[in-house]
Protein backbone atom coordinates (compact mmCIF):
# COMPACT_ATOMS: atom_id res chain seq x y z
CA MET A 1 0.00 0.00 0.00
CA GLN A 2 1.50 3.33 -1.06
CA GLU A 3 0.83 6.67 0.81
CA VAL A 4 0.16 9.64 -1.45
CA PHE A 5 1.35 13.10 -0.14
CA ASP A 6 -1.52 15.57 -0.51
CA VAL A 7 -1.67 18.85 1.47
CA ARG A 8 -5.45 18.81 1.14
CA THR A 9 -5.56 15.93 3.63
CA LEU A 10 -4.86 16.16 7.35
CA ALA A 11 -1.98 13.73 6.97
CA GLY A 12 -0.56 15.81 4.15
CA GLN A 13 -0.81 18.99 6.20
CA ALA A 14 0.99 17.32 9.11
CA VAL A 15 3.79 16.20 6.78
CA ASN A 16 4.00 19.69 5.33
CA GLN A 17 4.32 21.24 8.79
CA ARG A 18 7.06 18.76 9.75
CA MET A 19 8.95 19.56 6.56
CA ALA A 20 8.67 23.32 7.18
CA ALA A 21 9.88 22.90 10.75
CA ALA A 22 12.79 20.79 9.55
CA ILE A 23 13.75 23.47 7.01
CA VAL A 24 13.64 26.19 9.70
CA GLU A 25 15.74 24.04 12.01
CA GLN A 26 18.20 23.37 9.22
CA GLU A 27 18.52 27.08 8.48
CA ARG A 28 19.24 27.81 12.14
CA SER A 29 22.05 25.26 12.28
CA PRO A 30 25.62 26.02 11.14
CA LEU A 31 26.60 24.38 7.89
CA GLU A 32 29.53 21.96 7.98
CA LEU A 33 31.10 21.46 4.54
CA ASN A 34 33.52 18.84 3.30
CA ALA A 35 36.21 19.31 0.74
CA LYS A 36 34.19 17.71 -2.06
CA ASP A 37 31.06 19.81 -1.53
CA PRO A 38 30.53 22.32 -4.41
CA LEU A 39 29.48 24.94 -1.88
CA GLN A 40 32.88 24.56 -0.18
CA LEU A 41 34.55 25.49 -3.44
CA GLN A 42 32.43 28.63 -3.57
CA VAL A 43 33.34 29.47 0.02
CA GLU A 44 37.03 29.05 -0.78
CA ARG A 45 36.77 31.26 -3.88
CA LEU A 46 34.89 33.87 -1.83
CA ALA A 47 37.53 33.75 0.92
CA ALA A 48 40.30 34.24 -1.64
CA ALA A 49 38.49 37.23 -3.16
CA ILE A 50 37.82 38.79 0.26
CA LYS A 51 41.46 38.33 1.28
CA GLU A 52 42.74 39.95 -1.91
CA ILE A 53 40.35 42.89 -1.77
CA PHE A 54 40.18 43.69 1.93
CA ILE A 55 43.66 42.63 3.10
CA ASP A 56 46.20 42.54 0.28
CA ARG A 57 45.05 45.78 -1.35
CA ARG A 58 44.79 47.64 1.99
CA GLU A 59 47.93 46.25 3.62
CA ALA A 60 50.18 49.12 2.55
CA ARG A 61 48.02 51.79 4.20
CA MET A 62 46.90 49.90 7.30
CA SER A 63 48.78 50.53 10.53
CA HIS A 64 47.18 47.65 12.42
CA THR A 65 46.36 43.99 11.95
CA PRO A 66 42.89 43.67 10.34
CA ARG A 67 40.18 42.37 12.63
CA TRP A 68 37.01 40.84 11.22
CA LEU A 69 33.72 39.47 12.52
CA ILE A 70 32.07 36.56 10.69
CA PHE A 71 28.63 35.17 11.49
CA GLY A 72 25.92 33.30 9.61
CA ARG A 73 25.22 29.80 8.36
CA LEU A 74 28.39 29.68 6.20
CA ALA A 75 30.58 31.38 8.81
CA ARG A 76 32.52 28.26 9.85
CA GLY A 77 33.62 27.29 6.35
CA LEU A 78 34.52 30.87 5.49
CA ALA A 79 36.59 31.34 8.66
CA ARG A 80 38.59 28.14 7.96
CA SER A 81 39.21 29.20 4.37
CA LEU A 82 40.73 32.56 5.32
CA ASP A 83 43.69 30.67 6.79
CA GLY A 84 44.87 33.15 9.43
CA SER A 85 45.02 36.12 7.05
CA CYS A 86 43.81 38.40 9.86
CA GLN A 87 42.29 38.33 13.32
CA ILE A 88 38.86 36.75 13.01
CA VAL A 89 36.07 36.51 15.55
CA LEU A 90 33.72 33.66 14.60
CA ALA A 91 30.38 34.18 16.34
CA ASP A 92 28.09 31.17 16.07
CA THR A 93 24.80 30.03 17.56
CA SER A 94 26.26 26.73 18.76
CA LEU A 95 29.59 25.57 20.15
CA GLU A 96 29.06 22.04 18.81
CA ARG A 97 32.13 20.85 16.86
CA LEU A 98 33.73 24.31 17.09
CA SER A 99 36.61 22.75 18.98
CA GLU A 100 37.30 20.32 16.14
CA GLY A 101 39.88 21.06 13.50
CA PRO A 102 42.45 23.84 13.28
CA TRP A 103 41.28 27.43 13.69
CA LYS A 104 44.31 29.45 12.74
CA GLY A 105 43.88 33.08 13.85
CA VAL A 106 40.21 32.50 14.68
CA THR A 107 38.53 33.20 18.03
CA CYS A 108 35.31 31.20 18.36
CA ILE A 109 32.56 32.57 20.58
CA LEU A 110 28.92 31.81 21.26
CA LEU A 111 26.79 34.55 19.69
CA PRO A 112 24.94 36.40 22.48
CA VAL A 113 21.49 37.90 22.12
CA PRO A 114 21.59 41.38 20.52
CA GLU A 115 20.75 43.13 23.81
CA ALA A 116 23.80 41.55 25.51
CA LEU A 117 26.22 42.06 22.67
CA HIS A 118 27.82 45.11 24.28
CA THR A 119 28.83 43.02 27.32
CA ASN A 120 30.82 40.44 25.33
CA PRO A 121 34.56 41.18 25.62
CA GLU A 122 35.32 39.97 22.08
CA LEU A 123 32.48 41.71 20.27
CA ALA A 124 32.61 44.93 22.31
CA SER A 125 36.40 45.10 22.31
CA PRO A 126 38.18 48.47 22.02
CA ALA A 127 39.83 47.01 18.90
CA LEU A 128 37.15 47.74 16.33
CA PHE A 129 36.18 45.40 13.50
CA ASP A 130 37.48 46.45 10.08
CA LEU A 131 34.94 44.26 8.29
CA VAL A 132 31.81 42.32 9.22
CA VAL A 133 30.86 39.37 7.00
CA ALA A 134 27.30 38.07 7.25
CA ALA A 135 27.47 34.73 5.44
CA GLU A 136 23.94 33.53 4.67
CA PRO A 137 22.39 35.19 7.74
CA MET A 138 18.68 35.15 6.78
CA GLY A 139 16.79 32.64 8.90
CA TYR A 140 19.96 32.05 10.94
CA VAL A 141 19.95 35.21 13.07
CA ASP A 142 17.89 38.38 13.36
CA LEU A 143 20.03 40.35 10.93
CA SER A 144 18.51 43.76 11.65
CA GLU A 145 18.94 43.57 15.43
CA TYR A 146 22.49 42.17 15.30
CA SER A 147 23.73 44.60 12.65
CA SER A 148 22.21 47.51 14.59
CA ALA A 149 23.85 46.39 17.85
CA LEU A 150 27.22 45.99 16.09
CA ARG A 151 27.37 49.56 14.73
CA PRO A 152 29.42 51.08 17.62
CA PHE A 153 32.09 48.34 17.27
CA ILE A 154 32.82 48.72 13.56
CA ARG A 155 35.59 50.98 12.27
CA ARG A 156 34.47 53.64 9.79
CA ARG A 157 36.35 55.86 7.39
CA ALA A 158 37.44 59.07 9.07
CA LYS A 159 36.13 61.72 6.67
CA GLU A 160 32.75 61.91 4.99
CA ASP A 161 34.17 63.33 1.77
CA GLU A 162 36.42 60.27 1.22
CA ARG A 163 34.69 58.53 -1.69
CA LYS A 164 37.22 55.85 -2.72
CA LEU A 165 38.85 54.30 0.35
CA ASP A 166 37.21 52.21 3.09
CA GLN A 167 33.75 52.38 1.55
CA VAL A 168 32.67 48.93 2.74
CA GLN A 169 32.12 47.98 6.37
CA LEU A 170 29.75 45.02 5.95
CA LEU A 171 29.67 42.24 3.40
CA CYS A 172 26.43 40.25 3.09
CA VAL A 173 26.48 36.92 1.21
CA GLU A 174 23.03 35.44 0.75
CA ARG A 175 21.04 33.28 -1.63
CA ARG A 176 19.82 35.33 -4.56
CA GLU A 177 16.13 35.04 -3.69
CA ARG A 178 16.83 36.33 -0.17
CA LEU A 179 19.37 39.06 -0.84
CA GLU A 180 16.79 41.82 -1.22
CA ASP A 181 15.24 40.91 2.14
CA ALA A 182 18.70 40.96 3.74
CA ARG A 183 19.35 44.44 2.30
CA ASP A 184 16.08 45.72 3.72
CA GLU A 185 17.06 44.42 7.15
CA LEU A 186 20.41 46.17 6.91
CA TYR A 187 18.88 49.41 5.62
CA SER A 188 16.59 49.46 8.66
CA ALA A 189 19.67 49.10 10.89
CA GLY A 190 21.28 52.27 9.48
CA TYR A 191 23.55 50.81 6.77
CA TYR A 192 23.45 52.04 3.20
CA LEU A 193 24.31 50.45 -0.10
CA ALA A 194 27.94 50.48 -1.33
CA ASP A 195 27.52 48.26 -4.40
CA HIS A 196 29.22 50.96 -6.46
CA ASP A 197 32.52 49.81 -4.93
CA GLU A 198 34.92 48.34 -7.51
CA ALA A 199 35.23 45.13 -5.48
CA ARG A 200 31.65 43.94 -6.08
CA PRO A 201 32.11 42.31 -9.55
CA GLN A 202 34.98 40.15 -8.29
CA LEU A 203 33.03 39.09 -5.19
CA ARG A 204 29.88 38.29 -7.19
CA SER A 205 31.76 36.11 -9.64
CA ALA A 206 32.95 34.02 -6.71
CA VAL A 207 29.44 33.22 -5.43
CA LEU A 208 26.99 33.39 -8.34
CA GLN A 209 27.74 29.88 -9.61
CA ALA A 210 26.36 28.30 -6.42
CA GLY A 211 23.18 30.39 -6.41
CA HIS A 212 24.35 33.15 -4.04
CA ASP A 213 24.82 36.86 -4.48
CA VAL A 214 26.70 39.49 -2.53
CA SER A 215 25.90 43.01 -1.38
CA LEU A 216 28.31 45.59 -0.04
CA LEU A 217 27.15 47.98 2.64
CA ALA A 218 28.66 50.92 4.44
CA LEU A 219 28.20 52.95 7.58
CA PRO A 220 28.38 56.75 7.81
CA SER A 221 31.89 58.06 8.37
CA ALA A 222 33.20 58.72 11.86
CA GLU A 223 32.96 62.43 11.08
CA LYS A 224 29.30 62.16 10.09
CA GLU A 225 28.50 59.86 13.01
CA GLN A 226 30.13 62.26 15.47
CA ARG A 227 28.24 65.15 13.90
CA LYS A 228 25.01 63.18 14.09
CA ALA A 229 25.68 62.20 17.69
CA LYS A 230 26.42 65.83 18.52
CA GLU A 231 23.23 66.97 16.79
CA GLN A 232 21.22 64.31 18.61
CA ARG A 233 22.80 65.30 21.92
CA GLU A 234 22.08 68.97 21.26
CA ALA A 235 18.54 68.11 20.17
CA GLN A 236 18.01 66.13 23.37
CA GLU A 237 19.40 69.01 25.41
CA ARG A 238 17.11 71.45 23.59
CA LYS A 239 14.19 69.11 24.17
CA ALA A 240 15.06 68.80 27.85
CA GLN A 241 15.40 72.58 28.13
CA ARG A 242 12.14 73.07 26.24
CA GLU A 243 10.35 70.58 28.46
CA ALA A 244 11.83 72.22 31.56
CA VAL A 245 10.69 75.62 30.30
CA GLU A 246 7.23 74.23 29.52
CA VAL A 247 6.99 72.69 32.99
CA ALA A 248 8.16 75.94 34.58
CA GLN A 249 5.71 77.92 32.44
CA ALA A 250 2.88 75.57 33.35
CA GLU A 251 3.72 75.90 37.03
CA GLN A 252 4.02 79.68 36.67
CA GLU A 253 0.73 79.87 34.79
CA GLU A 254 -0.98 77.77 37.44
CA GLU A 255 0.51 79.93 40.18
CA GLU A 256 -0.48 83.09 38.30
CA MET A 257 -3.99 81.74 37.77
CA VAL A 258 -4.38 81.14 41.51
CA GLN A 259 -2.88 84.54 42.27
CA LYS A 260 -5.05 86.16 39.60
CA THR A 261 -8.21 84.56 40.99
CA VAL A 262 -7.38 85.63 44.54
CA LEU A 263 -6.54 89.21 43.55
CA GLN A 264 -9.51 89.50 41.20
CA THR A 265 -11.79 88.45 44.06
CA THR A 266 -10.30 90.40 46.95
CA LEU A 267 -8.96 93.66 45.49
CA PHE A 268 -11.05 96.70 46.47
CA ASP A 269 -13.67 94.53 48.12
CA PRO A 270 -14.91 96.35 51.26
CA VAL A 271 -15.30 93.04 53.11
CA LEU A 272 -12.13 91.24 51.99
CA MET A 273 -9.65 94.14 51.97
CA THR A 274 -6.76 93.66 54.39
CA PRO A 275 -6.97 96.19 57.26
CA GLU A 276 -4.44 99.03 57.13
CA GLU A 277 -3.51 100.87 60.33
CA ARG A 278 -1.39 103.61 58.82
CA VAL A 279 -2.93 106.97 57.94
CA LEU A 280 -1.93 108.90 54.82
CA PRO A 281 0.30 111.76 55.99
CA VAL A 282 -0.85 115.34 55.30
CA ALA A 283 1.73 117.78 53.93
CA TYR A 284 -0.28 120.96 54.58
CA GLU A 285 -3.80 122.40 54.61
CA VAL A 286 -5.26 125.58 53.14
CA GLY A 287 -8.57 127.08 54.31
CA LYS A 288 -10.73 126.96 57.42
CA PRO A 289 -11.17 123.64 59.25
CA SER A 290 -14.91 124.32 59.48
CA ALA A 291 -15.39 124.54 55.70
CA GLU A 292 -18.07 122.18 54.43
CA LEU A 293 -16.18 121.30 51.24
CA LEU A 294 -12.89 119.42 51.46
CA LEU A 295 -10.61 118.90 48.44
CA VAL A 296 -7.97 116.23 49.10
CA TRP A 297 -5.18 116.47 46.53
CA LEU A 298 -2.72 113.62 45.94
CA PRO A 299 0.54 114.73 44.21
CA GLY A 300 2.29 112.47 41.73
CA ASN A 301 5.23 110.21 42.50
CA THR A 302 7.90 112.56 41.14
CA GLU A 303 6.91 115.93 42.62
CA ALA A 304 7.04 117.50 46.04
CA ALA A 305 3.79 118.40 47.79
CA GLU A 306 4.98 122.02 48.01
CA THR A 307 4.68 122.25 44.21
CA TRP A 308 0.93 122.74 44.68
CA SER A 309 1.09 125.23 47.56
CA ALA A 310 0.66 128.48 45.60
CA ALA A 311 -2.00 127.00 43.36
CA ALA A 312 -3.97 125.65 46.36
CA ARG A 313 -3.94 129.07 48.04
CA ALA A 314 -5.14 130.69 44.82
CA VAL A 315 -8.05 128.25 44.55
CA GLU A 316 -9.01 128.68 48.20
CA GLY A 317 -8.93 132.48 47.81
CA GLU A 318 -11.24 132.44 44.79
CA SER A 319 -13.74 130.10 46.42
CA ALA A 320 -16.98 131.86 47.31
CA SER A 321 -18.12 129.14 49.69
CA GLY A 322 -16.11 127.57 52.42
CA LEU A 323 -13.36 125.39 50.98
CA ARG A 324 -10.51 123.54 52.61
CA ILE A 325 -7.72 122.03 50.55
CA MET A 326 -5.58 119.23 51.98
CA VAL A 327 -2.44 118.23 50.09
CA THR A 328 -1.05 114.84 51.18
CA GLU A 329 2.30 113.15 51.07
CA ARG A 330 2.81 109.87 49.25
CA PRO A 331 2.85 106.44 50.95
CA ALA A 332 6.29 105.02 51.71
CA GLY A 333 6.55 103.21 48.37
CA GLY A 334 4.71 105.74 46.24
CA TRP A 335 1.21 105.35 44.85
CA HIS A 336 2.12 102.71 42.27
CA SER A 337 5.14 101.83 40.14
CA TRP A 338 3.82 102.36 36.60
CA SER A 339 4.33 105.47 34.52
CA ASP A 340 1.33 107.04 32.78
CA LYS A 341 2.89 106.22 29.41
CA ALA A 342 3.25 102.53 30.30
CA THR A 343 -0.34 102.44 31.59
CA VAL A 344 -1.74 103.95 28.40
CA ALA A 345 0.35 101.53 26.29
CA ARG A 346 -1.38 98.56 27.95
CA GLY A 347 -4.77 99.89 26.95
CA MET A 348 -8.13 98.53 28.12
CA GLU A 349 -9.96 95.37 27.12
CA TRP A 350 -13.73 95.68 26.73
CA TYR A 351 -16.38 94.61 24.27
CA GLU A 352 -19.71 95.93 23.04
CA MET A 353 -22.32 93.14 23.16
CA HIS A 354 -25.40 92.60 21.01
CA ASP A 355 -27.51 89.65 19.95
CA MET A 356 -26.62 89.65 16.25
CA PRO A 357 -24.13 91.55 14.04
CA THR A 358 -26.91 93.60 12.45
CA ASP A 359 -27.62 97.33 12.55
CA GLU A 360 -30.94 96.67 14.32
CA ALA A 361 -29.33 94.56 17.04
CA ILE A 362 -26.56 97.10 17.54
CA ALA A 363 -29.07 99.94 17.79
CA GLN A 364 -31.16 97.97 20.29
CA ALA A 365 -28.09 97.25 22.45
CA ALA A 366 -27.11 100.93 22.37
CA LYS A 367 -30.34 101.82 24.16
CA ASP A 368 -28.95 100.28 27.33
CA PRO A 369 -25.20 101.04 27.14
CA ALA A 370 -24.51 100.16 30.79
CA THR A 371 -25.74 96.60 30.37
CA ASN A 372 -24.40 95.60 26.97
CA LEU A 373 -20.73 95.84 27.81
CA SER A 374 -18.20 93.20 28.84
CA PHE A 375 -14.73 93.73 30.28
CA GLY A 376 -11.65 91.52 29.97
CA ARG A 377 -9.91 90.33 33.09
CA PRO A 378 -6.75 92.29 33.95
CA SER A 379 -3.38 90.60 33.78
CA VAL A 380 -1.40 89.55 36.83
CA GLU A 381 0.89 92.56 36.37
CA GLU A 382 -2.09 94.93 36.35
CA LEU A 383 -3.55 93.25 39.43
CA GLN A 384 -0.21 93.58 41.23
CA CYS A 385 -0.11 97.28 40.31
CA MET A 386 -3.63 97.71 41.68
CA GLN A 387 -2.49 95.92 44.81
CA GLU A 388 0.02 98.76 45.26
CA ILE A 389 -2.74 101.32 44.69
CA GLU A 390 -4.95 99.60 47.24
CA VAL A 391 -2.43 100.31 50.01
CA GLY A 392 -2.56 104.07 49.32
CA CYS A 393 -6.36 103.94 49.10
CA LYS A 394 -6.68 102.30 52.51
CA GLN A 395 -4.38 104.88 54.08
CA LEU A 396 -6.46 107.59 52.40
CA PHE A 397 -9.68 106.03 53.75
CA ASN A 398 -8.21 106.07 57.26
CA LEU A 399 -7.46 109.79 56.86
CA LEU A 400 -10.97 110.52 55.54
CA GLN A 401 -12.66 108.53 58.30
CA ALA A 402 -10.94 110.74 60.88
CA GLU A 403 -11.94 113.89 58.96
CA VAL A 404 -15.58 112.82 58.58
CA ALA A 405 -15.74 111.92 62.27
CA LYS A 406 -14.50 115.43 63.21
CA HIS A 407 -16.62 117.25 60.61
CA PRO A 408 -19.82 115.21 59.97
CA LYS A 409 -21.20 117.66 57.37
CA THR A 410 -18.05 117.80 55.24
CA LYS A 411 -18.38 116.91 51.57
CA VAL A 412 -15.25 115.38 50.06
CA ILE A 413 -13.74 115.80 46.61
CA LEU A 414 -10.75 113.64 45.73
CA GLY A 415 -8.22 114.61 43.10
CA GLY A 416 -4.64 114.09 42.16
CA PHE A 417 -1.96 114.34 39.54
CA SER A 418 -0.53 111.36 37.59
CA GLN A 419 -0.18 108.35 39.95
CA GLY A 420 -1.92 110.33 42.68
CA GLY A 421 -4.87 110.87 40.34
CA ALA A 422 -5.08 107.12 39.62
CA THR A 423 -5.22 106.42 43.36
CA ALA A 424 -7.95 109.05 43.78
CA ALA A 425 -9.92 107.39 40.95
CA PHE A 426 -9.83 103.97 42.61
CA ALA A 427 -10.71 105.46 46.01
CA THR A 428 -13.72 107.31 44.55
CA LEU A 429 -15.11 104.91 41.94
CA SER A 430 -14.39 101.41 43.30
CA GLY A 431 -17.02 101.51 46.05
CA ALA A 432 -14.44 100.19 48.50
CA ALA A 433 -14.54 103.19 50.85
CA PRO A 434 -16.17 102.77 54.26
CA PRO A 435 -19.89 103.72 54.11
CA GLU A 436 -19.44 106.91 56.15
CA VAL A 437 -16.75 108.04 53.71
CA GLN A 438 -18.46 106.83 50.53
CA GLU A 439 -21.61 108.83 51.21
CA ARG A 440 -19.51 112.01 51.57
CA LEU A 441 -17.65 111.57 48.26
CA ILE A 442 -19.25 113.88 45.73
CA ALA A 443 -16.65 114.30 43.00
CA LEU A 444 -13.40 113.12 41.47
CA VAL A 445 -10.87 115.48 39.87
CA PRO A 446 -8.08 113.45 38.18
CA CYS A 447 -5.39 115.45 36.44
CA CYS A 448 -3.08 114.14 33.68
CA CYS A 449 -3.29 110.57 34.92
CA ALA A 450 -3.71 107.11 33.44
CA VAL A 451 -5.49 104.52 35.56
CA PRO A 452 -3.91 101.02 35.60
CA GLY A 453 -6.44 98.26 35.09
CA PHE A 454 -9.25 100.69 34.34
CA GLN A 455 -11.33 97.81 32.91
CA PHE A 456 -11.30 96.29 36.42
CA LEU A 457 -12.46 99.58 37.92
CA ALA A 458 -15.05 100.03 35.14
CA SER A 459 -16.51 96.59 35.83
CA LYS A 460 -17.10 97.66 39.46
CA MET A 461 -18.69 100.89 38.23
CA GLN A 462 -20.94 98.83 35.93
CA ALA A 463 -22.01 96.51 38.77
CA ALA A 464 -22.80 99.50 41.00
CA CYS A 465 -24.75 101.16 38.19
CA LEU A 466 -26.92 98.09 37.56
CA ARG A 467 -27.41 97.53 41.28
CA ARG A 468 -28.52 101.13 41.79
CA ARG A 469 -31.41 100.68 39.33
CA ASP A 470 -33.14 98.61 42.01
CA LEU A 471 -32.40 101.26 44.66
CA PRO A 472 -33.17 104.62 43.04
CA GLU A 473 -33.40 106.35 46.41
CA GLU A 474 -29.65 106.10 46.94
CA SER A 475 -27.53 109.24 46.57
CA PRO A 476 -26.14 109.92 43.09
CA PHE A 477 -22.71 108.70 42.08
CA PRO A 478 -19.73 111.07 42.41
CA SER A 479 -19.25 113.25 39.38
CA VAL A 480 -15.99 113.08 37.43
CA HIS A 481 -14.13 116.19 36.23
CA LEU A 482 -11.22 115.21 34.01
CA MET A 483 -8.33 117.65 33.58
CA TYR A 484 -5.92 116.77 30.78
CA CYS A 485 -3.17 118.49 28.86
CA ARG A 486 -3.83 118.53 25.12
CA ASN A 487 -0.16 118.29 24.17
CA ASP A 488 0.69 115.61 26.76
CA LEU A 489 2.88 112.95 25.16
CA GLU A 490 2.12 110.35 27.87
CA VAL A 491 -1.68 110.36 28.06
CA SER A 492 -3.33 110.34 24.62
CA ASP A 493 -6.59 112.05 23.71
CA HIS A 494 -8.13 108.71 22.74
CA TYR A 495 -7.41 107.29 26.20
CA VAL A 496 -8.99 110.34 27.85
CA GLN A 497 -12.11 110.10 25.66
CA THR A 498 -12.46 106.40 26.51
CA ILE A 499 -12.45 107.12 30.25
CA LEU A 500 -14.88 110.02 29.77
CA GLY A 501 -17.28 107.79 27.80
CA LEU A 502 -17.19 104.94 30.31
CA CYS A 503 -17.80 107.24 33.27
CA ASN A 504 -20.87 108.75 31.60
CA ARG A 505 -22.01 105.28 30.55
CA PHE A 506 -22.21 104.18 34.17
CA GLU A 507 -24.05 107.31 35.34
CA HIS A 508 -21.07 109.20 36.75
CA ALA A 509 -21.70 112.67 35.34
CA ALA A 510 -18.38 113.34 33.62
CA GLN A 511 -16.90 116.32 31.84
CA LEU A 512 -13.52 117.13 30.37
CA GLN A 513 -11.49 120.30 30.84
CA SER A 514 -8.38 120.46 28.72
CA PHE A 515 -5.46 122.89 28.64
CA GLU A 516 -2.05 123.35 27.11
CA VAL A 517 1.30 124.20 28.64
CA ASN A 518 4.37 125.83 27.21
CA ILE A 519 6.75 122.96 26.53
CA GLN A 520 9.75 125.22 27.10
CA GLU A 521 8.71 125.70 30.70
CA GLN A 522 8.81 121.97 31.42
CA LEU A 523 11.71 119.65 32.11
CA PRO A 524 13.07 117.51 29.22
CA GLY A 525 11.03 114.44 28.35
CA GLY A 526 7.85 115.93 26.91
CA PRO A 527 5.07 118.29 27.88
CA ARG A 528 3.97 117.50 31.42
CA PRO A 529 2.33 120.34 33.41
CA VAL A 530 4.25 119.32 36.54
CA PRO A 531 6.94 119.93 37.61
CA GLY A 532 6.38 123.40 36.31
CA ARG A 533 3.98 126.08 37.47
CA PRO A 534 0.56 124.56 38.23
CA ASP A 535 -0.55 127.94 39.62
CA VAL A 536 -0.75 129.16 35.99
CA TRP A 537 -3.47 126.73 34.85
CA TRP A 538 -4.63 124.67 37.83
CA PRO A 539 -6.65 127.26 39.84
CA ARG A 540 -8.96 128.07 36.91
CA LEU A 541 -9.70 124.45 36.08
CA VAL A 542 -10.15 123.33 39.68
CA THR A 543 -12.42 126.25 40.44
CA GLN A 544 -14.66 125.29 37.51
CA ALA A 545 -14.67 121.67 38.62
CA LEU A 546 -15.57 122.61 42.22
CA LYS A 547 -18.47 124.79 41.06
CA ALA A 548 -19.81 121.94 38.90
CA ALA A 549 -19.40 119.41 41.71
CA SER A 550 -21.14 121.59 44.30
CA ARG A 551 -24.35 121.99 42.31
């Protein structure tokens, strides 16, 4: 009875699987050749060609004994055939029969796994390999992993622009049908084709007869590899620095967000404001203590309180009704640290709101200007500046509480120049003053000042305006009398008009009085009315503002 092999039967499939397993096992085993085997003749011809090309032709310019690594299914026969022409490391997957026969100039080792290759003293030796020969490696080892792990232990040509010498670092001998797969494995490991080398025709002629082919491959030069390693190292350093910066920025942003939320909530809140025991110092007073109208003037950061002395006396003398003028000193650290020019440069963030981008919707929204307006949140820097202003405001409130307690019928007008004017604006318009002080505030007279974070202050004015609609019996809001220099290079006309419009929008009766100064009378740096002679222009403007506020 004869058994017929048919893969369509279970028996045939089992036989097929056994045959495939046997082929795989055969490919993983080193090939032992005898002298009469045709493949041995090919190996000997290949060894002779390799010796002539990579030893004899290079001997004159080599200052060291060549050192090669050979691995693969044909490695044993090839190592024997080289006959001690150089130092050879034969790395095999089995030590079986490696001790048999002469191995002249050959060091036999058991091939470690790719991950442990760098720990092997022969493979990871300081003496680099001049040539690596992979003799029929497909199916025998993982060619990509081993060739990748071997890269640091292979000698390269020194200069990248050397195009003739030392072009080949790896020689791959493989069956013709598998050579393309072997090349792909080596390409993935960072090798590139060097088949243009003049040695390839001679090597191919030695192996083609037995059904093999050969491919020559190269590694980047030491110069290029060092440059690449340097670029990778620098890239990693840049990445680490970038990640560190991103982490620091994220932490800073989170910290700023917490700080921003706390400041946004607590600044100029009558309940949450930190108590302040100090009282704003008074430089001098003009007028009778019994006067029912009190003008408190806050000088700027850069001028002495005495600058306003003559002008204050002139205003008090022209006043028909009882008027007392109190000029204060600055707090220990000044009102705040920003210049008017820097404040104006930051601008204000606010938006007109309407249901649809149509003329009808815009016209409908304009009928209620106090409601249809949204303000952006101030930055951390602006909030920190307002934190400085808050200190001066609290000291001013302490001063006014004492004055109101001594003179219950006194009406208070707050004013100031530059940073002092910004502090007066926050004290008057924020609603943070104690109730007994707030009900006595009837007017604000800011002069040549920019108000940091005005959108924050305007949002409080908006909230007070909308709240007051439910309580119409409350006293009217303080009026605002803006005094600005028309040729002031620090505070622009557009900025002034914006403040004027917002004040009127939130039912603070506001008006603008403008003036000009002779630039030649001022110090270098642009037209600023102070330091100069405020007695020339200030009495007239303040007198008009006081008359309007007293009505």
